Amino acid sequence: MIWQHLGAVLTGVAIGFLGGLFGKGGSAVATPLLSLLGFPGFVAVASPLPAAIPSTLVASAEYWRSRLLDWEIVWWSIGIGTPAIVAGSFLSPYAGAKPLLIVTGLLVLAFGVSFLFFPKDRSLAREAVKNPRGLRPAYWRVRLITVAIGVGLISGLLANAGGFLLVPCYTVFLKQPMKKAFACSLAVSAALAIPGTVVHAYLGHISWLVMSLVALGSIPFSLMGARLAIKTRSAKLERWYGLALTCLGIFFLFHL
């Protein structure tokens, strides 16, 4: 039992550091790790969600201090994404999980390969310098609403906060530089994790002991990950992120 609890703390360390570094809550990675440690299915799925809230807020605050948060993206994503994630949660019993996981895995893999072999952050960073109020591509509001609805629905269906899709969507569809996409994703992920936490807590799926153990590891290391990301050159960070997404996409597809 003690080794299982230690494993939960180390899981928190891993997802906290990677979450702060790559702008995601980490529940999509924590669930299979907790399952490998022998925790029951619903506990492994639901317990990382509330643990992600404080860790993503801590990392997001670090990005905010570096003036990387775009509040228009954050508030619109939360406002549209929250009802979408609730709708996705209610639709989950009627949706086929495996086809959705396959599509999600292929999407994440495609984003990863794109970032790894066709990096674009340098051009976006140059445009961002010319537009200090933020990049706003054509049909900006339509793109933002579409991203929020799509990620919200998928997040509700998969019972996570959607950080693994928010960053690539912000970068590819909203044309945001990588670090700004990380910053916005963390703030939005913290908010989108709340509805799922409430529902799963009501259903009795959350082990508060496991949540506490995961949070114990994730909170301090999410801060370390965020600080490393902010100090790292954008081009290098984009390739790291591409490699991480590629591995996550392969992981998704080979564990179906």
Protein backbone atom coordinates (compact mmCIF):
# COMPACT_ATOMS: atom_id res chain seq x y z
CA MET A 1 0.00 0.00 0.00
CA ILE A 2 2.81 2.43 0.85
CA TRP A 3 4.44 1.82 -2.55
CA GLN A 4 1.11 2.46 -4.25
CA HIS A 5 0.77 5.78 -2.40
CA LEU A 6 4.37 6.70 -3.23
CA GLY A 7 3.58 5.92 -6.86
CA ALA A 8 0.65 8.34 -6.72
CA VAL A 9 2.97 11.11 -5.45
CA LEU A 10 5.49 10.36 -8.22
CA THR A 11 2.65 10.42 -10.75
CA GLY A 12 1.85 13.89 -9.44
CA VAL A 13 5.50 14.92 -9.83
CA ALA A 14 5.53 13.75 -13.46
CA ILE A 15 2.24 15.32 -14.54
CA GLY A 16 2.91 18.52 -12.56
CA PHE A 17 6.29 19.12 -14.20
CA LEU A 18 5.09 18.18 -17.70
CA GLY A 19 1.88 20.18 -17.18
CA GLY A 20 3.73 23.35 -16.20
CA LEU A 21 6.21 22.82 -19.03
CA PHE A 22 3.66 22.10 -21.75
CA GLY A 23 0.51 23.91 -20.56
CA LYS A 24 -1.78 21.03 -19.63
CA GLY A 25 -3.41 19.65 -16.50
CA GLY A 26 -2.10 16.11 -16.98
CA SER A 27 -5.18 14.03 -16.18
CA ALA A 28 -4.95 12.28 -19.57
CA VAL A 29 -1.51 10.97 -18.56
CA ALA A 30 -2.26 10.43 -14.87
CA THR A 31 -5.18 8.04 -15.45
CA PRO A 32 -3.18 5.23 -17.14
CA LEU A 33 -0.32 5.66 -14.64
CA LEU A 34 -2.69 5.33 -11.66
CA SER A 35 -4.32 2.32 -13.33
CA LEU A 36 -0.91 0.65 -13.65
CA LEU A 37 -0.41 1.23 -9.92
CA GLY A 38 -3.57 -0.78 -9.25
CA PHE A 39 -6.09 1.95 -8.42
CA PRO A 40 -9.70 1.18 -9.45
CA GLY A 41 -10.94 2.51 -12.80
CA PHE A 42 -13.15 5.39 -11.64
CA VAL A 43 -10.58 6.44 -9.02
CA ALA A 44 -7.84 6.53 -11.67
CA VAL A 45 -10.06 8.54 -14.05
CA ALA A 46 -11.58 11.04 -11.63
CA SER A 47 -9.03 11.65 -8.85
CA PRO A 48 -6.48 13.54 -11.00
CA LEU A 49 -9.13 16.12 -12.02
CA PRO A 50 -9.34 18.04 -8.70
CA ALA A 51 -5.57 17.67 -8.26
CA ALA A 52 -5.08 19.44 -11.59
CA ILE A 53 -6.89 22.58 -10.45
CA PRO A 54 -4.31 23.93 -7.94
CA SER A 55 -1.30 22.77 -9.98
CA THR A 56 -2.51 24.45 -13.17
CA LEU A 57 -3.36 27.65 -11.28
CA VAL A 58 0.13 27.77 -9.75
CA ALA A 59 1.77 27.31 -13.15
CA SER A 60 -0.65 29.76 -14.79
CA ALA A 61 0.25 32.43 -12.21
CA GLU A 62 3.90 32.10 -13.23
CA TYR A 63 2.99 32.71 -16.88
CA TRP A 64 0.76 35.63 -15.82
CA ARG A 65 3.70 37.25 -14.02
CA SER A 66 5.59 37.04 -17.33
CA ARG A 67 2.65 38.78 -19.08
CA LEU A 68 1.88 35.82 -21.33
CA LEU A 69 -1.84 35.43 -20.55
CA ASP A 70 -4.35 36.63 -23.15
CA TRP A 71 -7.48 37.20 -21.07
CA GLU A 72 -9.80 37.42 -24.08
CA ILE A 73 -8.85 33.88 -25.07
CA VAL A 74 -9.15 32.68 -21.47
CA TRP A 75 -12.59 34.13 -20.72
CA TRP A 76 -14.15 33.15 -24.04
CA SER A 77 -12.73 29.62 -23.76
CA ILE A 78 -14.12 29.23 -20.24
CA GLY A 79 -17.49 30.80 -21.07
CA ILE A 80 -18.08 28.61 -24.14
CA GLY A 81 -16.10 25.58 -23.01
CA THR A 82 -17.86 25.09 -19.66
CA PRO A 83 -21.34 24.32 -21.04
CA ALA A 84 -19.70 22.27 -23.81
CA ILE A 85 -17.82 20.12 -21.30
CA VAL A 86 -21.03 19.62 -19.29
CA ALA A 87 -22.84 18.57 -22.49
CA GLY A 88 -20.00 16.20 -23.35
CA SER A 89 -20.18 14.64 -19.88
CA PHE A 90 -23.91 13.93 -20.29
CA LEU A 91 -23.35 12.56 -23.81
CA SER A 92 -20.55 10.21 -22.73
CA PRO A 93 -22.85 7.25 -21.88
CA TYR A 94 -24.29 7.38 -25.43
CA ALA A 95 -21.07 7.95 -27.38
CA GLY A 96 -18.76 5.17 -28.46
CA ALA A 97 -15.59 5.68 -26.44
CA LYS A 98 -13.22 3.76 -28.71
CA PRO A 99 -13.89 5.69 -31.97
CA LEU A 100 -13.53 8.97 -30.07
CA LEU A 101 -10.23 7.85 -28.53
CA ILE A 102 -8.93 6.79 -31.95
CA VAL A 103 -9.82 10.16 -33.50
CA THR A 104 -8.30 12.00 -30.52
CA GLY A 105 -5.12 9.93 -30.69
CA LEU A 106 -4.72 10.56 -34.42
CA LEU A 107 -5.36 14.28 -33.93
CA VAL A 108 -2.79 14.57 -31.13
CA LEU A 109 -0.27 12.55 -33.17
CA ALA A 110 -0.78 14.80 -36.22
CA PHE A 111 -0.29 17.94 -34.12
CA GLY A 112 2.85 16.42 -32.58
CA VAL A 113 4.43 15.56 -35.93
CA SER A 114 3.56 19.05 -37.20
CA PHE A 115 5.25 20.81 -34.26
CA LEU A 116 8.23 18.43 -34.34
CA PHE A 117 9.06 18.61 -38.05
CA PHE A 118 7.39 21.84 -39.20
CA PRO A 119 7.91 24.34 -36.35
CA LYS A 120 6.25 27.71 -36.84
CA ASP A 121 6.68 29.51 -33.51
CA ARG A 122 9.44 31.85 -34.73
CA SER A 123 7.18 33.48 -37.31
CA LEU A 124 4.32 33.68 -34.80
CA ALA A 125 6.64 35.22 -32.18
CA ARG A 126 7.75 37.89 -34.68
CA GLU A 127 4.13 38.72 -35.49
CA ALA A 128 3.33 38.87 -31.76
CA VAL A 129 6.06 41.50 -31.25
CA LYS A 130 4.42 43.64 -33.96
CA ASN A 131 1.00 43.18 -32.31
CA PRO A 132 1.49 43.66 -28.55
CA ARG A 133 -2.28 43.54 -27.92
CA GLY A 134 -2.37 40.00 -29.29
CA LEU A 135 -2.59 38.24 -32.66
CA ARG A 136 -6.08 38.24 -34.14
CA PRO A 137 -6.33 36.24 -37.40
CA ALA A 138 -9.31 36.43 -39.78
CA TYR A 139 -12.62 35.19 -38.33
CA TRP A 140 -10.97 35.36 -34.93
CA ARG A 141 -14.10 35.07 -32.79
CA VAL A 142 -15.54 32.23 -34.88
CA ARG A 143 -12.26 30.30 -34.56
CA LEU A 144 -12.16 30.86 -30.80
CA ILE A 145 -15.77 29.72 -30.27
CA THR A 146 -15.25 26.66 -32.48
CA VAL A 147 -12.12 25.64 -30.56
CA ALA A 148 -13.87 26.12 -27.20
CA ILE A 149 -16.90 24.04 -28.23
CA GLY A 150 -14.85 21.26 -29.83
CA VAL A 151 -12.35 20.91 -26.99
CA GLY A 152 -15.12 21.22 -24.38
CA LEU A 153 -17.20 18.42 -25.92
CA ILE A 154 -14.20 16.09 -26.28
CA SER A 155 -13.03 16.89 -22.74
CA GLY A 156 -16.46 16.08 -21.33
CA LEU A 157 -16.59 12.79 -23.22
CA LEU A 158 -13.07 11.80 -22.08
CA ALA A 159 -13.38 13.13 -18.48
CA ASN A 160 -10.38 15.48 -18.56
CA ALA A 161 -9.69 19.21 -18.73
CA GLY A 162 -8.61 19.26 -22.39
CA GLY A 163 -5.16 20.81 -22.02
CA PHE A 164 -3.64 18.31 -24.46
CA LEU A 165 -5.88 19.77 -27.21
CA LEU A 166 -6.08 23.43 -26.15
CA VAL A 167 -2.41 24.27 -26.79
CA PRO A 168 -2.22 22.89 -30.36
CA CYS A 169 -5.62 24.41 -31.20
CA TYR A 170 -4.56 27.82 -29.88
CA THR A 171 -1.35 27.62 -31.87
CA VAL A 172 -2.67 26.18 -35.14
CA PHE A 173 -6.13 27.76 -35.38
CA LEU A 174 -5.74 30.98 -33.34
CA LYS A 175 -2.11 31.58 -34.45
CA GLN A 176 -0.83 32.18 -30.91
CA PRO A 177 2.88 31.82 -30.00
CA MET A 178 3.70 28.65 -28.08
CA LYS A 179 4.31 30.20 -24.66
CA LYS A 180 1.12 32.26 -24.83
CA ALA A 181 -0.79 29.11 -25.83
CA PHE A 182 0.68 27.31 -22.79
CA ALA A 183 -0.31 30.15 -20.48
CA CYS A 184 -3.91 30.34 -21.73
CA SER A 185 -4.30 26.55 -21.72
CA LEU A 186 -3.31 26.27 -18.07
CA ALA A 187 -5.78 28.95 -16.95
CA VAL A 188 -8.61 27.45 -19.01
CA SER A 189 -7.81 23.87 -17.94
CA ALA A 190 -8.11 24.85 -14.28
CA ALA A 191 -11.61 26.23 -14.88
CA LEU A 192 -12.76 23.37 -17.13
CA ALA A 193 -11.67 20.79 -14.52
CA ILE A 194 -14.22 22.17 -12.02
CA PRO A 195 -17.47 20.86 -13.64
CA GLY A 196 -16.00 17.37 -14.03
CA THR A 197 -14.78 17.43 -10.44
CA VAL A 198 -18.24 18.37 -9.14
CA VAL A 199 -19.97 15.62 -11.13
CA HIS A 200 -17.48 12.90 -10.23
CA ALA A 201 -17.46 13.94 -6.56
CA TYR A 202 -21.27 13.70 -6.51
CA LEU A 203 -21.05 10.22 -8.07
CA GLY A 204 -18.45 9.14 -5.49
CA HIS A 205 -15.72 8.44 -8.05
CA ILE A 206 -13.00 10.56 -6.41
CA SER A 207 -10.61 9.20 -3.81
CA TRP A 208 -9.61 12.29 -1.86
CA LEU A 209 -6.56 10.47 -0.52
CA VAL A 210 -5.32 9.73 -4.04
CA MET A 211 -6.16 13.30 -5.10
CA SER A 212 -4.12 14.67 -2.17
CA LEU A 213 -1.15 12.43 -2.98
CA VAL A 214 -1.16 13.45 -6.64
CA ALA A 215 -1.51 17.14 -5.71
CA LEU A 216 1.38 16.82 -3.23
CA GLY A 217 3.70 15.99 -6.12
CA SER A 218 2.12 18.06 -8.86
CA ILE A 219 1.81 21.51 -7.27
CA PRO A 220 5.51 22.32 -6.61
CA PHE A 221 6.71 20.63 -9.80
CA SER A 222 4.17 22.43 -11.99
CA LEU A 223 5.81 25.67 -10.87
CA MET A 224 9.24 24.30 -11.81
CA GLY A 225 7.95 23.21 -15.23
CA ALA A 226 6.42 26.63 -15.92
CA ARG A 227 9.62 28.44 -14.97
CA LEU A 228 11.67 26.20 -17.25
CA ALA A 229 9.26 26.78 -20.15
CA ILE A 230 9.38 30.56 -19.74
CA LYS A 231 13.20 30.56 -19.76
CA THR A 232 13.55 28.14 -22.71
CA ARG A 233 13.91 29.40 -26.29
CA SER A 234 10.60 29.10 -28.14
CA ALA A 235 12.03 27.08 -31.04
CA LYS A 236 13.47 24.46 -28.70
CA LEU A 237 10.30 24.42 -26.61
CA GLU A 238 8.16 23.81 -29.70
CA ARG A 239 10.23 20.76 -30.66
CA TRP A 240 10.03 19.42 -27.10
CA TYR A 241 6.29 19.88 -27.21
CA GLY A 242 6.05 18.19 -30.61
CA LEU A 243 7.95 15.18 -29.27
CA ALA A 244 5.72 15.03 -26.17
CA LEU A 245 2.52 15.21 -28.26
CA THR A 246 3.80 12.56 -30.66
CA CYS A 247 4.53 10.21 -27.78
CA LEU A 248 1.11 10.96 -26.22
CA GLY A 249 -0.66 10.27 -29.52
CA ILE A 250 1.15 6.93 -29.94
CA PHE A 251 0.35 6.12 -26.29
CA PHE A 252 -3.34 6.83 -26.93
CA LEU A 253 -3.47 4.63 -30.02
CA PHE A 254 -1.56 1.66 -28.59
CA HIS A 255 -3.56 1.50 -25.34
CA LEU A 256 -7.02 1.22 -26.91
